[in-house]
C-alpha atoms as a PDB file:
ATOM      1  CA  MET A   1       0.000   0.000   0.000  1.00  0.00           C
ATOM      2  CA  ASP A   2       1.498   3.335  -1.055  1.00  0.00           C
ATOM      3  CA  ARG A   3       1.253   6.631   0.828  1.00  0.00           C
ATOM      4  CA  MET A   4      -1.836   7.815  -1.131  1.00  0.00           C
ATOM      5  CA  ASP A   5      -3.708   4.584  -0.321  1.00  0.00           C
ATOM      6  CA  VAL A   6      -2.793   4.994   3.339  1.00  0.00           C
ATOM      7  CA  HIS A   7      -4.286   8.475   3.377  1.00  0.00           C
ATOM      8  CA  ILE A   8      -7.509   7.288   1.694  1.00  0.00           C
ATOM      9  CA  VAL A   9      -7.913   4.449   4.193  1.00  0.00           C
ATOM     10  CA  ALA A  10      -7.157   6.773   7.081  1.00  0.00           C
ATOM     11  CA  GLU A  11      -9.607   9.428   5.979  1.00  0.00           C
ATOM     12  CA  SER A  12     -12.379   6.873   5.439  1.00  0.00           C
ATOM     13  CA  ALA A  13     -11.738   5.323   8.809  1.00  0.00           C
ATOM     14  CA  PHE A  14     -11.868   8.660  10.609  1.00  0.00           C
ATOM     15  CA  ARG A  15     -15.164   9.583   8.934  1.00  0.00           C
ATOM     16  CA  ALA A  16     -16.685   6.210   9.804  1.00  0.00           C
ATOM     17  CA  LEU A  17     -15.397   6.239  13.360  1.00  0.00           C
ATOM     18  CA  ARG A  18     -15.998   9.888  14.261  1.00  0.00           C
ATOM     19  CA  LEU A  19     -17.965   8.835  17.319  1.00  0.00           C
ATOM     20  CA  ALA A  20     -15.696   5.984  18.316  1.00  0.00           C
ATOM     21  CA  THR A  21     -13.131   6.103  21.123  1.00  0.00           C
ATOM     22  CA  PRO A  22      -9.544   7.067  20.298  1.00  0.00           C
ATOM     23  CA  HIS A  23      -8.258   3.533  20.918  1.00  0.00           C
ATOM     24  CA  MET A  24     -10.944   2.039  18.667  1.00  0.00           C
ATOM     25  CA  ILE A  25      -9.899   4.483  15.956  1.00  0.00           C
ATOM     26  CA  ALA A  26      -6.255   3.543  16.251  1.00  0.00           C
ATOM     27  CA  MET A  27      -7.001  -0.178  16.152  1.00  0.00           C
ATOM     28  CA  GLN A  28      -9.369  -0.047  13.166  1.00  0.00           C
ATOM     29  CA  ILE A  29      -7.278   2.295  11.040  1.00  0.00           C
ATOM     30  CA  GLY A  30      -4.397  -0.155  11.056  1.00  0.00           C
ATOM     31  CA  ILE A  31      -1.759   2.506  10.325  1.00  0.00           C
ATOM     32  CA  THR A  32       1.485   2.643  12.292  1.00  0.00           C
ATOM     33  CA  TYR A  33       2.608   6.093  13.365  1.00  0.00           C
ATOM     34  CA  SER A  34       5.413   7.129  15.661  1.00  0.00           C
ATOM     35  CA  ARG A  35       4.565   7.558  19.346  1.00  0.00           C
ATOM     36  CA  PRO A  36       4.382  11.400  19.172  1.00  0.00           C
ATOM     37  CA  ALA A  37       2.139  11.243  16.097  1.00  0.00           C
ATOM     38  CA  TYR A  38      -0.058   8.603  17.722  1.00  0.00           C
ATOM     39  CA  SER A  39      -0.422  10.820  20.790  1.00  0.00           C
ATOM     40  CA  LEU A  40      -1.601  13.634  18.563  1.00  0.00           C
ATOM     41  CA  LEU A  41      -4.151  11.360  16.908  1.00  0.00           C
ATOM     42  CA  ILE A  42      -5.511  10.343  20.299  1.00  0.00           C
ATOM     43  CA  LYS A  43      -5.582  13.918  21.550  1.00  0.00           C
ATOM     44  CA  TYR A  44      -7.392  15.441  18.605  1.00  0.00           C
ATOM     45  CA  SER A  45      -9.747  12.540  17.912  1.00  0.00           C
ATOM     46  CA  LYS A  46     -11.448  13.334  21.233  1.00  0.00           C
ATOM     47  CA  SER A  47     -12.920  16.460  19.655  1.00  0.00           C
ATOM     48  CA  LEU A  48     -15.869  15.620  17.391  1.00  0.00           C
ATOM     49  CA  SER A  49     -15.441  18.884  15.510  1.00  0.00           C
ATOM     50  CA  ASP A  50     -11.955  18.032  14.242  1.00  0.00           C
ATOM     51  CA  LYS A  51     -11.778  16.938  10.630  1.00  0.00           C
ATOM     52  CA  SER A  52      -9.945  13.785   9.632  1.00  0.00           C
ATOM     53  CA  GLU A  53      -7.803  15.728   7.153  1.00  0.00           C
ATOM     54  CA  ASN A  54      -6.475  17.855  10.002  1.00  0.00           C
ATOM     55  CA  LEU A  55      -5.680  14.780  12.086  1.00  0.00           C
ATOM     56  CA  ILE A  56      -3.749  13.130   9.262  1.00  0.00           C
ATOM     57  CA  SER A  57      -1.883  16.359   8.554  1.00  0.00           C
ATOM     58  CA  LEU A  58      -0.922  16.820  12.208  1.00  0.00           C
ATOM     59  CA  ALA A  59       0.294  13.235  12.466  1.00  0.00           C
ATOM     60  CA  ASN A  60       2.375  13.509   9.313  1.00  0.00           C
ATOM     61  CA  LYS A  61       3.907  16.821  10.423  1.00  0.00           C
ATOM     62  CA  GLN A  62       4.814  15.293  13.787  1.00  0.00           C
ATOM     63  CA  ASP A  63       6.449  12.328  12.068  1.00  0.00           C
ATOM     64  CA  GLU A  64       8.459  14.686   9.867  1.00  0.00           C
ATOM     65  CA  LYS A  65       9.717  16.508  12.967  1.00  0.00           C
ATOM     66  CA  SER A  66      10.592  13.219  14.694  1.00  0.00           C
ATOM     67  CA  SER A  67      12.576  12.001  11.682  1.00  0.00           C
ATOM     68  CA  GLY A  68      14.951  14.969  11.786  1.00  0.00           C
ATOM     69  CA  MET A  69      17.624  13.033  13.703  1.00  0.00           C
ATOM     70  CA  GLU A  70      20.809  12.318  11.770  1.00  0.00           C
ATOM     71  CA  HIS A  71      21.592   8.637  11.227  1.00  0.00           C
ATOM     72  CA  LEU A  72      24.996   7.074  10.665  1.00  0.00           C
ATOM     73  CA  ASP A  73      25.536   6.052   7.044  1.00  0.00           C
ATOM     74  CA  VAL A  74      26.950   2.634   7.864  1.00  0.00           C
ATOM     75  CA  VAL A  75      27.258   1.493   4.243  1.00  0.00           C
ATOM     76  CA  GLY A  76      29.013   4.726   3.264  1.00  0.00           C
ATOM     77  CA  LEU A  77      31.281   4.424   6.283  1.00  0.00           C
ATOM     78  CA  LEU A  78      32.276   0.870   5.337  1.00  0.00           C
ATOM     79  CA  ARG A  79      33.013   2.012   1.797  1.00  0.00           C
ATOM     80  CA  ALA A  80      35.212   4.826   3.132  1.00  0.00           C
ATOM     81  CA  VAL A  81      37.077   2.361   5.367  1.00  0.00           C
ATOM     82  CA  GLN A  82      37.685   0.048   2.409  1.00  0.00           C
ATOM     83  CA  ILE A  83      39.133   2.925   0.379  1.00  0.00           C
ATOM     84  CA  LEU A  84      41.270   4.015   3.326  1.00  0.00           C
ATOM     85  CA  GLU A  85      42.551   0.473   3.815  1.00  0.00           C
ATOM     86  CA  ARG A  86      43.384   0.109   0.129  1.00  0.00           C
ATOM     87  CA  ASN A  87      45.300   3.400   0.061  1.00  0.00           C
ATOM     88  CA  MET A  88      47.204   2.507   3.217  1.00  0.00           C
ATOM     89  CA  SER A  89      48.148  -0.849   1.677  1.00  0.00           C
ATOM     90  CA  VAL A  90      49.611   1.063  -1.263  1.00  0.00           C
ATOM     91  CA  ALA A  91      51.579   3.257   1.167  1.00  0.00           C
ATOM     92  CA  LEU A  92      53.057   0.125   2.764  1.00  0.00           C
ATOM     93  CA  MET A  93      54.121  -1.483  -0.524  1.00  0.00           C
ATOM     94  CA  TYR A  94      57.725  -0.233  -0.403  1.00  0.00           C
ATOM     95  CA  SER A  95      58.255  -1.763   3.063  1.00  0.00           C
ATOM     96  CA  GLY A  96      56.836  -5.070   1.865  1.00  0.00           C
ATOM     97  CA  LEU A  97      54.446  -5.231   4.815  1.00  0.00           C
ATOM     98  CA  ARG A  98      50.706  -5.735   4.909  1.00  0.00           C
ATOM     99  CA  ILE A  99      48.559  -3.744   7.343  1.00  0.00           C
ATOM    100  CA  PRO A 100      48.222  -6.606   9.902  1.00  0.00           C
ATOM    101  CA  GLN A 101      51.986  -7.219   9.782  1.00  0.00           C
ATOM    102  CA  PHE A 102      52.667  -3.504  10.230  1.00  0.00           C
ATOM    103  CA  ARG A 103      50.397  -3.443  13.277  1.00  0.00           C
ATOM    104  CA  LEU A 104      52.114  -6.495  14.757  1.00  0.00           C
ATOM    105  CA  LEU A 105      55.624  -5.081  14.310  1.00  0.00           C
ATOM    106  CA  ASN A 106      54.510  -1.703  15.628  1.00  0.00           C
ATOM    107  CA  VAL A 107      53.157  -3.289  18.820  1.00  0.00           C
ATOM    108  CA  LEU A 108      56.145  -5.608  19.209  1.00  0.00           C
ATOM    109  CA  SER A 109      58.567  -2.696  18.901  1.00  0.00           C
ATOM    110  CA  LYS A 110      57.035  -1.256  22.066  1.00  0.00           C
ATOM    111  CA  THR A 111      56.873  -4.477  24.084  1.00  0.00           C
ATOM    112  CA  GLY A 112      60.312  -5.781  23.154  1.00  0.00           C
ATOM    113  CA  GLN A 113      59.264  -9.413  22.910  1.00  0.00           C
ATOM    114  CA  SER A 114      56.021 -11.349  23.284  1.00  0.00           C
ATOM    115  CA  THR A 115      54.482 -14.773  22.853  1.00  0.00           C
ATOM    116  CA  VAL A 116      52.017 -15.466  20.060  1.00  0.00           C
ATOM    117  CA  THR A 117      49.170 -15.526  22.581  1.00  0.00           C
ATOM    118  CA  GLU A 118      50.166 -12.139  23.967  1.00  0.00           C
ATOM    119  CA  MET A 119      50.314 -10.678  20.457  1.00  0.00           C
ATOM    120  CA  SER A 120      46.864 -12.017  19.611  1.00  0.00           C
ATOM    121  CA  GLU A 121      45.450 -10.312  22.686  1.00  0.00           C
ATOM    122  CA  LYS A 122      47.146  -6.995  21.931  1.00  0.00           C
ATOM    123  CA  LEU A 123      46.002  -7.038  18.291  1.00  0.00           C
ATOM    124  CA  HIS A 124      42.483  -8.316  19.110  1.00  0.00           C
ATOM    125  CA  VAL A 125      42.792 -11.255  16.699  1.00  0.00           C
ATOM    126  CA  THR A 126      42.594 -15.004  17.183  1.00  0.00           C
ATOM    127  CA  ARG A 127      45.702 -16.910  18.225  1.00  0.00           C
ATOM    128  CA  ALA A 128      45.609 -18.775  14.897  1.00  0.00           C
ATOM    129  CA  THR A 129      45.671 -15.481  12.963  1.00  0.00           C
ATOM    130  CA  ALA A 130      48.555 -14.152  15.069  1.00  0.00           C
ATOM    131  CA  SER A 131      50.429 -17.432  14.610  1.00  0.00           C
ATOM    132  CA  VAL A 132      50.178 -17.197  10.812  1.00  0.00           C
ATOM    133  CA  MET A 133      51.472 -13.596  10.832  1.00  0.00           C
ATOM    134  CA  VAL A 134      54.339 -14.460  13.172  1.00  0.00           C
ATOM    135  CA  THR A 135      55.346 -17.442  11.021  1.00  0.00           C
ATOM    136  CA  GLU A 136      55.357 -15.282   7.867  1.00  0.00           C
ATOM    137  CA  LEU A 137      57.480 -12.604   9.519  1.00  0.00           C
ATOM    138  CA  ILE A 138      59.934 -15.179  10.907  1.00  0.00           C
ATOM    139  CA  ARG A 139      60.369 -16.646   7.419  1.00  0.00           C
ATOM    140  CA  SER A 140      60.964 -13.178   5.945  1.00  0.00           C
ATOM    141  CA  GLY A 141      63.595 -12.430   8.573  1.00  0.00           C
ATOM    142  CA  ALA A 142      61.629  -9.633  10.272  1.00  0.00           C
ATOM    143  CA  LEU A 143      61.195 -11.624  13.501  1.00  0.00           C
ATOM    144  CA  ALA A 144      63.426 -13.983  15.466  1.00  0.00           C
ATOM    145  CA  VAL A 145      62.450 -16.694  17.948  1.00  0.00           C
ATOM    146  CA  VAL A 146      63.531 -16.332  21.561  1.00  0.00           C
ATOM    147  CA  GLU A 147      63.340 -19.262  23.960  1.00  0.00           C
ATOM    148  CA  ASN A 148      60.695 -18.854  26.656  1.00  0.00           C
ATOM    149  CA  LEU A 149      62.411 -19.993  29.839  1.00  0.00           C
ATOM    150  CA  ALA A 150      59.198 -19.642  31.864  1.00  0.00           C
ATOM    151  CA  ASP A 151      57.215 -21.989  29.605  1.00  0.00           C
ATOM    152  CA  ARG A 152      58.967 -24.480  27.327  1.00  0.00           C
ATOM    153  CA  ARG A 153      55.709 -25.090  25.449  1.00  0.00           C
ATOM    154  CA  SER A 154      55.748 -21.587  23.946  1.00  0.00           C
ATOM    155  CA  PHE A 155      58.330 -19.119  22.648  1.00  0.00           C
ATOM    156  CA  HIS A 156      58.854 -15.380  22.440  1.00  0.00           C
ATOM    157  CA  VAL A 157      59.436 -13.412  19.266  1.00  0.00           C
ATOM    158  CA  ARG A 158      61.376 -10.185  18.824  1.00  0.00           C
ATOM    159  CA  ILE A 159      62.045  -7.829  15.940  1.00  0.00           C
ATOM    160  CA  THR A 160      65.324  -8.327  14.094  1.00  0.00           C
ATOM    161  CA  ASP A 161      67.430  -5.472  12.728  1.00  0.00           C
ATOM    162  CA  ALA A 162      66.042  -6.186   9.260  1.00  0.00           C
ATOM    163  CA  GLY A 163      62.521  -6.139  10.667  1.00  0.00           C
ATOM    164  CA  MET A 164      63.172  -2.816  12.392  1.00  0.00           C
ATOM    165  CA  GLN A 165      64.406  -1.312   9.134  1.00  0.00           C
ATOM    166  CA  ARG A 166      61.243  -2.413   7.357  1.00  0.00           C
ATOM    167  CA  LEU A 167      59.135  -1.027  10.194  1.00  0.00           C
ATOM    168  CA  ASN A 168      60.888   2.344  10.047  1.00  0.00           C
ATOM    169  CA  VAL A 169      60.309   2.540   6.300  1.00  0.00           C
ATOM    170  CA  ALA A 170      56.651   1.640   6.848  1.00  0.00           C
ATOM    171  CA  ARG A 171      56.237   4.245   9.593  1.00  0.00           C
ATOM    172  CA  SER A 172      57.720   6.924   7.376  1.00  0.00           C
ATOM    173  CA  ASP A 173      55.473   6.091   4.422  1.00  0.00           C
ATOM    174  CA  VAL A 174      52.394   5.760   6.615  1.00  0.00           C
ATOM    175  CA  GLY A 175      53.236   9.119   8.198  1.00  0.00           C
ATOM    176  CA  VAL A 176      53.210  10.765   4.757  1.00  0.00           C
ATOM    177  CA  PHE A 177      49.898   9.068   3.951  1.00  0.00           C
ATOM    178  CA  VAL A 178      48.331  10.142   7.264  1.00  0.00           C
ATOM    179  CA  ASP A 179      49.436  13.751   6.733  1.00  0.00           C
ATOM    180  CA  LYS A 180      47.942  13.737   3.248  1.00  0.00           C
ATOM    181  CA  VAL A 181      44.595  12.375   4.466  1.00  0.00           C
ATOM    182  CA  SER A 182      44.504  14.679   7.496  1.00  0.00           C
ATOM    183  CA  ARG A 183      44.835  17.802   5.340  1.00  0.00           C
ATOM    184  CA  ARG A 184      41.484  17.027   3.738  1.00  0.00           C
ATOM    185  CA  TYR A 185      39.506  17.507   6.947  1.00  0.00           C
ATOM    186  CA  SER A 186      39.005  20.209   9.540  1.00  0.00           C
ATOM    187  CA  PRO A 187      40.367  19.716  13.081  1.00  0.00           C
ATOM    188  CA  ALA A 188      36.789  19.300  14.336  1.00  0.00           C
ATOM    189  CA  VAL A 189      36.084  16.448  11.901  1.00  0.00           C
ATOM    190  CA  ILE A 190      39.402  14.769  12.714  1.00  0.00           C
ATOM    191  CA  LYS A 191      38.593  14.956  16.428  1.00  0.00           C
ATOM    192  CA  ILE A 192      35.223  13.256  15.864  1.00  0.00           C
ATOM    193  CA  LEU A 193      36.769  10.542  13.689  1.00  0.00           C
ATOM    194  CA  ASN A 194      39.510   9.890  16.262  1.00  0.00           C
ATOM    195  CA  GLU A 195      36.902   9.625  19.023  1.00  0.00           C
ATOM    196  CA  PHE A 196      34.906   7.180  16.903  1.00  0.00           C
ATOM    197  CA  ALA A 197      38.050   5.131  16.210  1.00  0.00           C
ATOM    198  CA  GLY A 198      38.734   5.017  19.948  1.00  0.00           C
ATOM    199  CA  MET A 199      35.223   3.788  20.673  1.00  0.00           C
ATOM    200  CA  THR A 200      35.472   0.938  18.151  1.00  0.00           C
ATOM    201  CA  ALA A 201      39.016  -0.108  19.062  1.00  0.00           C
END
């Protein structure tokens, strides 16, 4: 049923039920309005002199006012994130690192050394995902294995000199990329985006 049909049904129902109670009107019309609009319908249907056209108009105007709240464009936001991720991947190409690997090395450079389990917790990924990344970085020479004297069943990893060089290159290129993106937005917008990023971290 389109909007015109809804209005016709509503007007007919109000004419037929002019003497009915407000709740009977609401039930027999079968139209769903927002709570503020429904309250207006109940309020003004108590007066027998009110015309149905006025009631419909008041309800629609109230709904228009209620719908003024801004909503987050989730699909647009996801598209923007995909573009941002793709551009950052391009920025990391010279270092030979992917975004997850860059994050891992960045965290590890601050902790000194960690187990795979500790890295998975810091990066908010599964242990299996962290294990795959660590294995790839060990094979590429960016990480080295350190014996875990406290637990022989696990091992620590640390960044090698070669890994640190790649990380420094990545940080430099990412810094240029971040500066370029940041110049597109006002400080107020950047503040909001940073707050949002902090909430979803």
